[in-house]
Amino acid sequence: MTGLNTVLIIVGLFLAGGVYSFWKQGMPKGVVVLLGIGSVMCLVAGVMRIQGLWD
């Protein structure tokens, strides 16, 4: 695992925690959706780099 993979996964998990927190606080759905999309994109990119599917 390289540093970029680790950073992408950590940022993705951090954003996922933000999604949960924002949802519980009653933030607007648009903010929650955008944060969720960013979280998923970071996690998928990190996992794809680990698997060697994306160089």
C-alpha atoms as a PDB file:
ATOM      1  CA  MET A   1       0.000   0.000   0.000  1.00  0.00           C
ATOM      2  CA  THR A   2       1.384   3.365  -0.934  1.00  0.00           C
ATOM      3  CA  GLY A   3       0.859   6.659   0.821  1.00  0.00           C
ATOM      4  CA  LEU A   4      -1.753   7.838  -1.684  1.00  0.00           C
ATOM      5  CA  ASN A   5      -3.888   4.721  -1.140  1.00  0.00           C
ATOM      6  CA  THR A   6      -3.792   5.283   2.590  1.00  0.00           C
ATOM      7  CA  VAL A   7      -4.657   8.963   2.260  1.00  0.00           C
ATOM      8  CA  LEU A   8      -7.594   8.246  -0.063  1.00  0.00           C
ATOM      9  CA  ILE A   9      -9.035   5.624   2.264  1.00  0.00           C
ATOM     10  CA  ILE A  10      -8.561   7.761   5.384  1.00  0.00           C
ATOM     11  CA  VAL A  11     -10.169  10.790   3.709  1.00  0.00           C
ATOM     12  CA  GLY A  12     -13.031   8.597   2.492  1.00  0.00           C
ATOM     13  CA  LEU A  13     -13.661   7.263   5.994  1.00  0.00           C
ATOM     14  CA  PHE A  14     -13.409  10.777   7.440  1.00  0.00           C
ATOM     15  CA  LEU A  15     -16.002  12.013   4.943  1.00  0.00           C
ATOM     16  CA  ALA A  16     -18.234   9.012   5.692  1.00  0.00           C
ATOM     17  CA  GLY A  17     -18.174  10.018   9.357  1.00  0.00           C
ATOM     18  CA  GLY A  18     -19.099  13.541   8.287  1.00  0.00           C
ATOM     19  CA  VAL A  19     -22.057  12.225   6.314  1.00  0.00           C
ATOM     20  CA  TYR A  20     -23.377  10.412   9.377  1.00  0.00           C
ATOM     21  CA  SER A  21     -22.804  13.429  11.593  1.00  0.00           C
ATOM     22  CA  PHE A  22     -24.424  15.871   9.172  1.00  0.00           C
ATOM     23  CA  TRP A  23     -27.407  13.556   8.706  1.00  0.00           C
ATOM     24  CA  LYS A  24     -27.932  13.328  12.485  1.00  0.00           C
ATOM     25  CA  GLN A  25     -27.713  17.139  12.782  1.00  0.00           C
ATOM     26  CA  GLY A  26     -30.420  17.612  10.173  1.00  0.00           C
ATOM     27  CA  MET A  27     -28.233  19.358   7.583  1.00  0.00           C
ATOM     28  CA  PRO A  28     -29.711  19.962   4.109  1.00  0.00           C
ATOM     29  CA  LYS A  29     -29.908  16.846   1.962  1.00  0.00           C
ATOM     30  CA  GLY A  30     -27.779  18.449  -0.765  1.00  0.00           C
ATOM     31  CA  VAL A  31     -24.820  18.816   1.601  1.00  0.00           C
ATOM     32  CA  VAL A  32     -25.194  15.243   2.839  1.00  0.00           C
ATOM     33  CA  VAL A  33     -25.430  13.872  -0.706  1.00  0.00           C
ATOM     34  CA  LEU A  34     -22.367  15.790  -1.920  1.00  0.00           C
ATOM     35  CA  LEU A  35     -20.340  14.676   1.073  1.00  0.00           C
ATOM     36  CA  GLY A  36     -21.501  11.089   0.541  1.00  0.00           C
ATOM     37  CA  ILE A  37     -20.489  11.172  -3.114  1.00  0.00           C
ATOM     38  CA  GLY A  38     -17.061  12.510  -2.175  1.00  0.00           C
ATOM     39  CA  SER A  39     -16.664   9.805   0.444  1.00  0.00           C
ATOM     40  CA  VAL A  40     -17.563   7.020  -1.960  1.00  0.00           C
ATOM     41  CA  MET A  41     -15.258   8.406  -4.652  1.00  0.00           C
ATOM     42  CA  CYS A  42     -12.283   8.525  -2.259  1.00  0.00           C
ATOM     43  CA  LEU A  43     -12.918   5.036  -0.938  1.00  0.00           C
ATOM     44  CA  VAL A  44     -13.380   3.515  -4.392  1.00  0.00           C
ATOM     45  CA  ALA A  45     -10.266   5.230  -5.752  1.00  0.00           C
ATOM     46  CA  GLY A  46      -8.202   4.006  -2.785  1.00  0.00           C
ATOM     47  CA  VAL A  47      -9.437   0.424  -3.102  1.00  0.00           C
ATOM     48  CA  MET A  48      -8.978   0.396  -6.885  1.00  0.00           C
ATOM     49  CA  ARG A  49      -5.397   1.568  -6.460  1.00  0.00           C
ATOM     50  CA  ILE A  50      -4.759  -1.172  -3.891  1.00  0.00           C
ATOM     51  CA  GLN A  51      -6.166  -3.791  -6.244  1.00  0.00           C
ATOM     52  CA  GLY A  52      -3.997  -2.453  -9.089  1.00  0.00           C
ATOM     53  CA  LEU A  53      -6.986  -1.688 -11.309  1.00  0.00           C
ATOM     54  CA  TRP A  54      -6.088   1.978 -11.612  1.00  0.00           C
ATOM     55  CA  ASP A  55      -2.509   3.219 -11.945  1.00  0.00           C
END
